[in-house]
Amino acid sequence: MNPTMRHLFASMLAAVALLGTACQSLAFSLMGPPASWQTSAIGYNLAADVGAPMNLSEEYRITMPTLNYGYDATFLNFFGSNGVVAVEAAMTILNNIPDVRTMSYRLTEFPLQAVGPANSTAANLQIRDLKSATLSTVLGQMGLASPERWVFSLRDRIVVGNVTNYIVIQRNFDPVNWNPTNTVNGVLYTYTVRDPVPNQLTTYSDAVESPADGRTVNPFLSVAGVDDGGGLGAGQFFTSLTRDDFGALRYLLRFNNVNTEQINIGTGGLGGSGITLIPFDSPYSFPSGTNGSNTISTNLPIDLARRPGIGKVSFRSLPIDSLLGINILPVTNRYTDYYYHPTNLYLTNQNLQRVSTLPDILFSAGDLSTGQLITGATLSRPTSARWANYAALPGNSSIGGTGTAPGPGVIPEGDGTSVAIPIIFDTLGPARINFQSGGARFLDERSARLNGVWGFFDTTTIYSVFPDGLTIQDLERQLYGP
C-alpha cells in the first residue's frame, strides 16, 4: 500500500472509531445503600438522598415481576381524580417499557431527549409536573441513580501535611460496553472539586459536574437524574424515559445478570405477602418443570439460589379502602421464577404466587414543610436503608468471602404488614416566600416570591392544578394581584 493510500485508510479508521465513540455517548448509574466510605463529608448520603452510587456488580434490583400500587385517602382528598390521571400517565410509561431482552444492542430505538417543549404559562406560574415527578421517583425506587450527578465523585479526601488531596472516581457506565464514561445522553461532562460546596445546609466536599461545553441548561436530562422532580424547572415535563434510563434497566434486569438472591417465602393468605408455590391442584399451576417438589401444596419454594434478571417489571393498580387502608380484596400475583438449581446448577423454574393485602407502592399526600425551606411541589420517598445487601451470599462474596462489598442486593417488595414504598407528595399548595438578609429586607407581599405548586400539563395545555379545584386564575391573582 502506497503512503497516500495508507494515510487515507488510517483517516477512514479514525473516522469510524470517532463515529463509534459518538454512538456510545451514553451512561447510567446504579443506586444502593451507602457503603461505609460514602460519607456526607465527601458528598454522599445527604439529607435528601435515597441512596448512593454503586459500582458494577454491586447493583440492587427488583426481583418481583409485578408490583402493586394504590392511592390513599390523603392523596385522593388533595389531588382528586385529576391527580390519579397524572400518576396513571407516569405508570403507563413505566408499563410500556419493553422486556430488556428485546432492546437493540445500541438502544438507538430510544430517545436521547425526553424533556418536552416547556409550557410557558406553567413556567410563569411555577407549576411543576406531577406525572414527571412520579416517573422519576419510581425509577429511583427501581435501583437507578442520577448519571448526571455521579459522572464524577470523590472516593476520598486525604490531608497530608498542608496538602489536601482528592481521589476522584466515576460511577457512570456506558450501557453498551459498561466502561466508565463522562458523557450522559450525548452531553460531555467535566468537574471541579469544591471544598466546601457553597450555599449548602451541610458543609461537604464534592467533585461538582458541569457540561463541558459551558451550557447552563441541559435539555438531555435523564429521568433517573431528576428523581423527585427537583431537576426539572417549572413548566417542564418528561414525555418518556431517555436512552440512558433504558440502558440502566437493561443492565439491571438482563437475563445474563445472575446474582445469588433470596426470595421472601411465607404462608401468604390474608396475613401477609409471603411467596408460596402455586398449589398443584390450582387452575393457575403450570405443567412446566419446577423445583421438583411442588406436587404437594404445603411444600416451600426454593428461596436461596442463583437467579437471572427478570427482564421486565410491571405495575398494577389496586383499589384501596380509604377508611380501612387496605385492598378492597386480596390480590394474588402469579409468576414463574427462574433459578439455577443449588445442587446441579441447571437452569430450572418454579411457579410461585404472592397474595397482597397492601400495595407495594402507596401514593399519599401530606405537609412536608416542617422547618425546611422547600417548594410546594416536592415529595418524600423512602431511602434504600431497607434494601437487602446479599454480598455475603455464596457466589456474590467479595475476595476472601468476607461479604463486605456494598452489593449486590435486592429491593424488597411489601411484606403484607407495611407498605414498601410510601411516596408522599407535599400539600403546601400556593405559598409565598419572604426573607431578610443583613440590611436587605423583602418582607411585604409585593417583594414575595410565589412558591411552586403541583400540576399536570403538556406543552400547550394545563390540564390540572393542585390542590384539586385550584384554577389558573387563582394562581395569576396570587402572582400578579387582582
Protein backbone atom coordinates (compact mmCIF):
# COMPACT_ATOMS: atom_id res chain seq x y z
CA MET A 1 0.00 0.00 0.00
CA ASN A 2 1.49 3.36 -1.05
CA PRO A 3 1.83 6.19 1.56
CA THR A 4 -1.14 8.14 0.18
CA MET A 5 -3.49 5.14 0.38
CA ARG A 6 -2.13 4.22 3.82
CA HIS A 7 -2.88 7.75 5.07
CA LEU A 8 -6.38 7.63 3.57
CA PHE A 9 -7.06 4.23 5.14
CA ALA A 10 -5.83 5.45 8.54
CA SER A 11 -8.10 8.50 8.27
CA MET A 12 -11.09 6.29 7.48
CA LEU A 13 -10.35 4.08 10.51
CA ALA A 14 -10.08 7.14 12.72
CA ALA A 15 -13.43 8.43 11.43
CA VAL A 16 -15.07 5.07 12.09
CA ALA A 17 -13.60 4.98 15.60
CA LEU A 18 -14.85 8.51 16.25
CA LEU A 19 -18.31 7.58 14.98
CA GLY A 20 -18.34 4.51 17.22
CA THR A 21 -17.43 6.66 20.20
CA ALA A 22 -20.21 9.11 19.39
CA CYS A 23 -22.74 6.29 19.16
CA GLN A 24 -21.77 5.15 22.65
CA SER A 25 -22.06 8.55 24.36
CA LEU A 26 -24.45 7.24 26.99
CA ALA A 27 -24.26 6.48 30.69
CA PHE A 28 -26.19 5.08 33.63
CA SER A 29 -25.66 4.99 37.38
CA LEU A 30 -26.79 2.38 39.90
CA MET A 31 -28.15 3.00 43.39
CA GLY A 32 -27.86 1.21 46.69
CA PRO A 33 -27.42 1.82 50.42
CA PRO A 34 -24.27 3.90 51.06
CA ALA A 35 -21.05 1.97 51.59
CA SER A 36 -19.03 2.67 54.73
CA TRP A 37 -16.74 5.10 52.89
CA GLN A 38 -19.61 7.00 51.22
CA THR A 39 -19.99 9.64 53.92
CA SER A 40 -21.65 13.04 53.88
CA ALA A 41 -18.21 14.70 54.25
CA ILE A 42 -17.41 13.81 50.61
CA GLY A 43 -20.84 14.33 49.10
CA TYR A 44 -22.80 11.13 49.77
CA ASN A 45 -25.76 10.30 51.98
CA LEU A 46 -27.00 13.89 52.13
CA ALA A 47 -30.34 14.84 53.64
CA ALA A 48 -32.50 14.32 50.54
CA ASP A 49 -30.69 11.28 49.12
CA VAL A 50 -32.33 7.90 48.58
CA GLY A 51 -29.01 6.06 48.34
CA ALA A 52 -25.50 6.24 46.89
CA PRO A 53 -23.94 5.22 43.56
CA MET A 54 -22.87 1.60 43.25
CA ASN A 55 -20.11 0.03 41.19
CA LEU A 56 -20.79 -2.61 38.56
CA SER A 57 -21.83 -5.95 40.12
CA GLU A 58 -22.94 -4.09 43.28
CA GLU A 59 -26.40 -3.26 41.92
CA TYR A 60 -29.73 -3.58 43.70
CA ARG A 61 -32.77 -4.66 41.72
CA ILE A 62 -36.39 -5.69 41.94
CA THR A 63 -36.99 -9.45 41.75
CA MET A 64 -40.81 -9.46 41.67
CA PRO A 65 -42.20 -9.19 38.09
CA THR A 66 -45.33 -7.29 39.22
CA LEU A 67 -45.59 -4.61 41.88
CA ASN A 68 -48.93 -3.28 43.11
CA TYR A 69 -49.68 0.39 43.73
CA GLY A 70 -52.57 2.41 45.08
CA TYR A 71 -53.79 5.77 46.40
CA ASP A 72 -54.85 6.51 49.95
CA ALA A 73 -57.45 8.99 51.22
CA THR A 74 -54.92 11.80 51.72
CA PHE A 75 -53.90 11.67 48.07
CA LEU A 76 -57.49 11.49 46.81
CA ASN A 77 -58.63 14.36 49.04
CA PHE A 78 -55.86 16.70 47.89
CA PHE A 79 -55.28 15.66 44.27
CA GLY A 80 -58.67 14.15 43.41
CA SER A 81 -59.33 12.14 40.29
CA ASN A 82 -57.19 14.53 38.21
CA GLY A 83 -54.18 13.62 40.35
CA VAL A 84 -54.87 9.95 39.72
CA VAL A 85 -54.88 10.67 35.97
CA ALA A 86 -51.45 12.33 36.25
CA VAL A 87 -49.90 9.45 38.19
CA GLU A 88 -51.50 6.88 35.88
CA ALA A 89 -49.85 8.65 32.94
CA ALA A 90 -46.46 8.03 34.59
CA MET A 91 -47.26 4.40 35.39
CA THR A 92 -48.35 3.84 31.79
CA ILE A 93 -44.91 4.98 30.59
CA LEU A 94 -43.29 2.54 33.01
CA ASN A 95 -45.57 -0.32 31.97
CA ASN A 96 -44.73 0.35 28.31
CA ILE A 97 -41.03 -0.31 28.92
CA PRO A 98 -40.29 -3.39 26.79
CA ASP A 99 -38.67 -6.52 28.14
CA VAL A 100 -34.94 -5.71 28.17
CA ARG A 101 -34.26 -8.85 26.10
CA THR A 102 -35.98 -7.18 23.14
CA MET A 103 -33.89 -3.99 23.25
CA SER A 104 -31.37 -3.39 20.47
CA TYR A 105 -27.64 -3.58 21.15
CA ARG A 106 -27.07 0.19 20.98
CA LEU A 107 -30.55 1.23 22.20
CA THR A 108 -30.99 3.55 19.23
CA GLU A 109 -34.76 3.00 19.25
CA PHE A 110 -34.95 5.14 22.41
CA PRO A 111 -34.62 8.95 22.52
CA LEU A 112 -31.71 10.92 23.95
CA GLN A 113 -34.12 13.78 24.59
CA ALA A 114 -37.22 13.23 26.72
CA VAL A 115 -37.93 16.74 28.06
CA GLY A 116 -40.89 18.10 26.12
CA PRO A 117 -41.12 21.72 24.94
CA ALA A 118 -41.89 23.74 28.06
CA ASN A 119 -45.33 25.12 28.87
CA SER A 120 -44.65 28.84 29.25
CA THR A 121 -47.78 29.54 31.32
CA ALA A 122 -46.91 26.76 33.75
CA ALA A 123 -43.35 28.09 33.96
CA ASN A 124 -44.52 31.63 34.75
CA LEU A 125 -46.92 30.38 37.43
CA GLN A 126 -44.35 28.00 39.00
CA ILE A 127 -46.35 24.83 38.24
CA ARG A 128 -44.38 21.56 38.41
CA ASP A 129 -45.43 18.35 36.72
CA LEU A 130 -46.87 15.65 38.97
CA LYS A 131 -46.54 12.99 36.27
CA SER A 132 -42.81 13.62 35.76
CA ALA A 133 -42.08 13.61 39.49
CA THR A 134 -43.87 10.26 39.82
CA LEU A 135 -41.99 8.81 36.86
CA SER A 136 -38.54 9.78 38.11
CA THR A 137 -39.18 8.80 41.73
CA VAL A 138 -40.42 5.31 40.88
CA LEU A 139 -37.33 4.82 38.70
CA GLY A 140 -35.20 5.70 41.71
CA GLN A 141 -37.04 3.05 43.72
CA MET A 142 -36.15 0.54 41.00
CA GLY A 143 -32.41 0.93 41.65
CA LEU A 144 -31.44 3.77 39.28
CA ALA A 145 -29.26 6.66 40.44
CA SER A 146 -28.58 10.02 38.78
CA PRO A 147 -25.99 9.69 35.99
CA GLU A 148 -25.61 13.47 35.82
CA ARG A 149 -24.68 13.65 39.50
CA TRP A 150 -22.32 10.67 39.58
CA VAL A 151 -20.28 11.23 36.42
CA PHE A 152 -17.54 12.11 38.89
CA SER A 153 -17.46 11.69 42.65
CA LEU A 154 -14.96 11.66 45.47
CA ARG A 155 -13.55 8.38 46.75
CA ASP A 156 -11.59 10.11 49.49
CA ARG A 157 -10.26 13.40 50.81
CA ILE A 158 -6.80 12.95 52.31
CA VAL A 159 -4.78 15.68 54.03
CA VAL A 160 -1.00 15.16 54.10
CA GLY A 161 0.78 17.95 55.92
CA ASN A 162 -0.58 21.14 54.46
CA VAL A 163 -1.72 19.49 51.19
CA THR A 164 -5.31 18.32 50.65
CA ASN A 165 -5.61 15.51 48.11
CA TYR A 166 -8.84 14.39 46.41
CA ILE A 167 -9.33 10.98 44.79
CA VAL A 168 -11.93 11.35 42.02
CA ILE A 169 -13.73 8.28 40.65
CA GLN A 170 -16.54 7.65 38.16
CA ARG A 171 -19.78 5.81 38.90
CA ASN A 172 -21.22 6.27 35.43
CA PHE A 173 -21.20 3.39 32.96
CA ASP A 174 -21.77 3.01 29.24
CA PRO A 175 -24.83 0.75 28.72
CA VAL A 176 -23.20 -0.91 25.70
CA ASN A 177 -19.67 -1.74 26.88
CA TRP A 178 -20.07 -0.94 30.62
CA ASN A 179 -16.90 1.17 30.67
CA PRO A 180 -16.89 4.29 32.88
CA THR A 181 -17.84 7.33 30.82
CA ASN A 182 -18.11 11.08 31.26
CA THR A 183 -21.00 11.50 28.82
CA VAL A 184 -24.71 11.36 29.66
CA ASN A 185 -27.30 11.19 26.87
CA GLY A 186 -24.79 12.67 24.45
CA VAL A 187 -23.64 15.54 26.70
CA LEU A 188 -19.95 15.60 27.75
CA TYR A 189 -19.30 16.48 31.41
CA THR A 190 -16.28 17.76 33.32
CA TYR A 191 -15.85 18.53 37.02
CA THR A 192 -14.40 20.94 39.56
CA VAL A 193 -13.59 19.85 43.11
CA ARG A 194 -15.27 22.23 45.55
CA ASP A 195 -14.30 22.22 49.19
CA PRO A 196 -16.58 23.17 50.74
CA VAL A 197 -19.57 23.15 48.42
CA PRO A 198 -21.04 26.66 48.81
CA ASN A 199 -24.58 27.62 49.78
CA GLN A 200 -25.50 24.27 51.30
CA LEU A 201 -27.05 23.45 54.67
CA THR A 202 -24.38 20.77 55.17
CA THR A 203 -20.72 21.50 54.51
CA TYR A 204 -19.04 18.86 52.38
CA SER A 205 -16.55 18.34 49.57
CA ASP A 206 -17.54 17.14 46.12
CA ALA A 207 -16.47 16.79 42.51
CA VAL A 208 -19.16 19.02 41.02
CA GLU A 209 -20.12 18.20 37.43
CA SER A 210 -20.91 20.66 34.68
CA PRO A 211 -21.38 20.27 30.89
CA ALA A 212 -18.01 20.66 29.21
CA ASP A 213 -19.42 22.95 26.51
CA GLY A 214 -20.41 25.54 29.12
CA ARG A 215 -24.16 25.19 28.74
CA THR A 216 -26.07 26.09 31.88
CA VAL A 217 -29.31 24.32 30.97
CA ASN A 218 -29.16 20.68 29.91
CA PRO A 219 -32.16 19.60 27.80
CA PHE A 220 -30.94 15.98 27.82
CA LEU A 221 -31.72 15.22 31.46
CA SER A 222 -32.17 11.55 32.26
CA VAL A 223 -35.40 10.73 34.08
CA ALA A 224 -33.44 8.90 36.80
CA GLY A 225 -31.33 12.02 37.28
CA VAL A 226 -34.28 14.09 38.40
CA ASP A 227 -35.74 11.66 40.96
CA ASP A 228 -38.10 13.93 42.93
CA GLY A 229 -38.77 16.47 40.17
CA GLY A 230 -36.25 18.96 41.53
CA GLY A 231 -34.08 18.81 38.42
CA LEU A 232 -36.96 19.87 36.19
CA GLY A 233 -37.92 23.52 36.14
CA ALA A 234 -41.45 24.81 36.44
CA GLY A 235 -43.29 24.20 33.18
CA GLN A 236 -41.02 21.32 32.14
CA PHE A 237 -42.09 17.71 31.81
CA PHE A 238 -40.93 14.32 30.55
CA THR A 239 -42.54 12.62 27.59
CA SER A 240 -40.80 9.25 28.10
CA LEU A 241 -37.65 7.71 29.52
CA THR A 242 -34.31 8.54 27.91
CA ARG A 243 -31.87 6.17 26.26
CA ASP A 244 -29.70 6.14 29.39
CA ASP A 245 -32.68 5.16 31.57
CA PHE A 246 -33.45 2.22 29.30
CA GLY A 247 -29.78 1.26 29.38
CA ALA A 248 -29.74 1.19 33.18
CA LEU A 249 -32.80 -1.06 33.30
CA ARG A 250 -31.26 -3.37 30.73
CA TYR A 251 -28.14 -3.76 32.85
CA LEU A 252 -30.16 -4.49 36.00
CA LEU A 253 -32.78 -6.83 34.55
CA ARG A 254 -30.93 -8.65 31.76
CA PHE A 255 -31.09 -12.44 31.90
CA ASN A 256 -27.30 -12.83 31.98
CA ASN A 257 -27.04 -10.71 35.14
CA VAL A 258 -27.02 -13.62 37.58
CA ASN A 259 -26.85 -12.96 41.34
CA THR A 260 -27.48 -15.12 44.37
CA GLU A 261 -30.77 -13.89 45.80
CA GLN A 262 -33.23 -14.91 48.47
CA ILE A 263 -36.97 -14.54 47.98
CA ASN A 264 -39.41 -13.71 50.76
CA ILE A 265 -41.18 -17.02 51.34
CA GLY A 266 -44.11 -17.24 53.74
CA THR A 267 -47.56 -18.56 54.35
CA GLY A 268 -49.24 -15.93 52.22
CA GLY A 269 -53.02 -15.56 52.53
CA LEU A 270 -54.71 -12.68 54.30
CA GLY A 271 -51.96 -12.41 56.86
CA GLY A 272 -49.24 -11.21 54.52
CA SER A 273 -47.45 -11.19 51.20
CA GLY A 274 -45.16 -14.19 51.63
CA ILE A 275 -44.28 -16.04 48.43
CA THR A 276 -45.57 -19.62 48.11
CA LEU A 277 -45.72 -22.33 45.50
CA ILE A 278 -48.86 -22.37 43.41
CA PRO A 279 -50.82 -25.40 44.66
CA PHE A 280 -50.64 -28.35 42.31
CA ASP A 281 -54.43 -28.51 42.05
CA SER A 282 -54.71 -24.79 41.25
CA PRO A 283 -56.06 -23.92 37.78
CA TYR A 284 -53.17 -21.41 37.63
CA SER A 285 -50.44 -24.00 38.13
CA PHE A 286 -48.21 -24.65 35.12
CA PRO A 287 -47.32 -28.04 33.69
CA SER A 288 -43.69 -26.91 33.17
CA GLY A 289 -40.72 -28.10 35.22
CA THR A 290 -40.38 -26.81 38.76
CA ASN A 291 -38.16 -27.39 41.73
CA GLY A 292 -39.32 -30.97 41.68
CA SER A 293 -41.42 -30.88 44.83
CA ASN A 294 -44.42 -28.68 44.23
CA THR A 295 -46.79 -31.58 43.69
CA ILE A 296 -47.71 -31.12 47.33
CA SER A 297 -49.19 -27.72 48.06
CA THR A 298 -47.62 -27.48 51.51
CA ASN A 299 -44.02 -27.57 50.21
CA LEU A 300 -41.99 -24.38 50.32
CA PRO A 301 -40.32 -22.90 47.26
CA ILE A 302 -36.57 -22.77 46.73
CA ASP A 303 -35.75 -19.43 48.31
CA LEU A 304 -31.93 -19.13 48.11
CA ALA A 305 -30.49 -19.61 44.62
CA ARG A 306 -28.60 -18.01 41.77
CA ARG A 307 -31.16 -16.06 39.73
CA PRO A 308 -31.04 -14.19 36.41
CA GLY A 309 -32.63 -10.82 35.84
CA ILE A 310 -36.39 -10.90 35.34
CA GLY A 311 -36.41 -8.83 32.14
CA LYS A 312 -39.30 -6.52 32.98
CA VAL A 313 -41.15 -5.04 35.97
CA SER A 314 -44.86 -4.28 35.61
CA PHE A 315 -47.07 -2.15 37.85
CA ARG A 316 -50.65 -2.98 38.74
CA SER A 317 -53.15 -0.52 40.20
CA LEU A 318 -55.12 -1.71 43.22
CA PRO A 319 -58.31 -0.24 44.70
CA ILE A 320 -57.78 0.84 48.33
CA ASP A 321 -60.41 1.06 51.05
CA SER A 322 -59.81 4.67 52.17
CA LEU A 323 -61.27 4.01 55.63
CA LEU A 324 -59.51 0.75 56.46
CA GLY A 325 -56.37 1.48 54.44
CA ILE A 326 -56.23 -1.98 52.84
CA ASN A 327 -57.04 -3.50 49.48
CA ILE A 328 -60.74 -4.00 48.91
CA LEU A 329 -59.93 -7.63 48.03
CA PRO A 330 -56.68 -9.57 48.45
CA VAL A 331 -54.77 -9.66 45.17
CA THR A 332 -52.73 -12.64 44.00
CA ASN A 333 -49.79 -12.21 41.63
CA ARG A 334 -48.61 -15.44 39.97
CA TYR A 335 -45.37 -15.83 38.05
CA THR A 336 -42.63 -18.25 37.01
CA ASP A 337 -39.40 -17.92 38.97
CA TYR A 338 -36.24 -18.95 37.08
CA TYR A 339 -33.16 -20.02 39.03
CA TYR A 340 -30.11 -22.24 38.84
CA HIS A 341 -30.70 -25.33 40.92
CA PRO A 342 -28.48 -25.32 44.04
CA THR A 343 -27.31 -28.92 43.54
CA ASN A 344 -26.90 -29.45 39.80
CA LEU A 345 -26.68 -25.77 38.70
CA TYR A 346 -29.10 -26.36 35.80
CA LEU A 347 -31.48 -23.55 34.91
CA THR A 348 -34.94 -24.53 36.13
CA ASN A 349 -38.08 -22.84 37.39
CA GLN A 350 -40.86 -22.94 39.91
CA ASN A 351 -44.36 -21.49 39.78
CA LEU A 352 -44.97 -19.02 42.57
CA GLN A 353 -47.68 -16.74 43.90
CA ARG A 354 -47.89 -13.82 46.30
CA VAL A 355 -51.09 -12.67 47.99
CA SER A 356 -51.17 -8.97 48.88
CA THR A 357 -53.48 -7.03 51.15
CA LEU A 358 -51.41 -3.84 50.90
CA PRO A 359 -49.90 -2.17 47.84
CA ASP A 360 -46.14 -2.21 47.37
CA ILE A 361 -46.24 1.46 46.33
CA LEU A 362 -48.67 3.80 48.07
CA PHE A 363 -49.23 7.35 46.81
CA SER A 364 -50.32 9.73 49.55
CA ALA A 365 -50.19 13.44 50.40
CA GLY A 366 -49.11 15.41 53.45
CA ASP A 367 -47.50 18.59 54.75
CA LEU A 368 -43.73 18.13 54.38
CA SER A 369 -42.74 21.71 55.26
CA THR A 370 -41.50 21.00 58.78
CA GLY A 371 -38.88 23.67 59.35
CA GLN A 372 -37.45 23.30 55.86
CA LEU A 373 -37.30 25.83 53.06
CA ILE A 374 -38.99 23.78 50.34
CA THR A 375 -41.26 24.38 47.42
CA GLY A 376 -44.90 23.42 47.44
CA ALA A 377 -44.10 20.84 44.76
CA THR A 378 -41.82 18.34 46.40
CA LEU A 379 -42.18 14.85 47.79
CA SER A 380 -40.89 12.34 50.30
CA ARG A 381 -39.91 8.80 49.40
CA PRO A 382 -38.13 6.02 51.31
CA THR A 383 -34.37 5.67 51.32
CA SER A 384 -32.54 2.49 50.38
CA ALA A 385 -31.97 1.60 54.04
CA ARG A 386 -34.34 -1.41 53.87
CA TRP A 387 -32.81 -2.78 50.67
CA ALA A 388 -31.16 -6.15 51.34
CA ASN A 389 -27.39 -6.48 50.78
CA TYR A 390 -26.61 -10.02 49.60
CA ALA A 391 -22.87 -9.54 49.09
CA ALA A 392 -22.15 -12.24 51.67
CA LEU A 393 -24.20 -14.92 49.91
CA PRO A 394 -22.35 -17.68 48.02
CA GLY A 395 -21.47 -16.50 44.54
CA ASN A 396 -21.75 -12.82 45.49
CA SER A 397 -18.97 -12.73 48.08
CA SER A 398 -16.02 -10.43 47.67
CA ILE A 399 -12.50 -11.86 47.51
CA GLY A 400 -11.91 -13.98 50.57
CA GLY A 401 -15.65 -14.47 51.09
CA THR A 402 -15.99 -11.66 53.62
CA GLY A 403 -19.10 -10.19 52.02
CA THR A 404 -18.06 -6.65 52.86
CA ALA A 405 -18.93 -5.20 49.44
CA PRO A 406 -21.84 -2.72 49.19
CA GLY A 407 -23.78 -5.14 46.99
CA PRO A 408 -25.30 -6.83 45.04
CA GLY A 409 -28.70 -6.96 46.65
CA VAL A 410 -32.43 -6.78 46.13
CA ILE A 411 -35.15 -4.17 46.57
CA PRO A 412 -37.80 -5.95 48.66
CA GLU A 413 -41.48 -5.88 47.83
CA GLY A 414 -44.09 -5.30 50.54
CA ASP A 415 -44.30 -7.87 53.32
CA GLY A 416 -48.05 -7.64 53.88
CA THR A 417 -47.77 -5.66 57.12
CA SER A 418 -46.39 -2.38 55.79
CA VAL A 419 -46.07 -0.52 52.52
CA ALA A 420 -42.63 -0.98 50.97
CA ILE A 421 -42.57 2.31 49.04
CA PRO A 422 -44.67 5.15 50.51
CA ILE A 423 -44.44 8.19 48.22
CA ILE A 424 -45.83 11.34 49.84
CA PHE A 425 -46.49 14.46 47.76
CA ASP A 426 -46.36 17.77 49.60
CA THR A 427 -49.67 19.58 50.24
CA LEU A 428 -48.25 23.03 50.99
CA GLY A 429 -50.05 24.41 47.97
CA PRO A 430 -49.72 28.05 46.87
CA ALA A 431 -47.40 29.96 49.21
CA ARG A 432 -45.11 33.00 49.23
CA ILE A 433 -41.52 33.29 50.40
CA ASN A 434 -40.26 36.46 52.10
CA PHE A 435 -36.79 36.93 53.57
CA GLN A 436 -34.31 39.36 55.04
CA SER A 437 -30.53 39.22 54.98
CA GLY A 438 -28.26 41.77 56.58
CA GLY A 439 -29.64 45.18 55.66
CA ALA A 440 -31.82 43.86 52.82
CA ARG A 441 -35.46 43.34 53.74
CA PHE A 442 -38.00 41.74 51.43
CA LEU A 443 -40.92 41.31 53.77
CA ASP A 444 -44.01 42.66 52.04
CA GLU A 445 -46.39 41.00 49.61
CA ARG A 446 -45.03 42.84 46.62
CA SER A 447 -41.50 41.50 47.17
CA ALA A 448 -42.58 37.93 47.93
CA ARG A 449 -41.75 35.05 45.63
CA LEU A 450 -44.52 32.63 44.70
CA ASN A 451 -43.70 29.07 45.69
CA GLY A 452 -44.26 26.13 43.36
CA VAL A 453 -47.43 24.04 43.12
CA TRP A 454 -48.24 20.68 41.58
CA GLY A 455 -49.94 20.45 38.21
CA PHE A 456 -50.37 18.27 35.14
CA PHE A 457 -49.73 19.71 31.69
CA ASP A 458 -48.15 19.34 28.30
CA THR A 459 -46.66 21.98 26.01
CA THR A 460 -49.93 23.66 25.12
CA THR A 461 -52.43 22.70 27.83
CA ILE A 462 -52.56 22.81 31.62
CA TYR A 463 -54.98 20.01 32.47
CA SER A 464 -54.98 20.35 36.26
CA VAL A 465 -53.55 22.44 39.09
CA PHE A 466 -53.50 21.15 42.66
CA PRO A 467 -54.96 21.11 45.23
CA ASP A 468 -57.87 19.81 43.23
CA GLY A 469 -60.13 22.73 42.34
CA LEU A 470 -57.37 25.37 42.20
CA THR A 471 -57.53 27.31 38.94
CA ILE A 472 -55.05 29.14 36.76
CA GLN A 473 -56.93 32.34 37.59
CA ASP A 474 -56.30 31.74 41.29
CA LEU A 475 -52.57 31.43 40.68
CA GLU A 476 -52.47 34.51 38.48
CA ARG A 477 -54.21 36.59 41.15
CA GLN A 478 -51.68 35.42 43.72
CA LEU A 479 -48.76 36.22 41.47
CA TYR A 480 -49.94 39.43 39.82
CA GLY A 481 -52.71 40.68 42.10
CA PRO A 482 -56.45 41.04 41.47
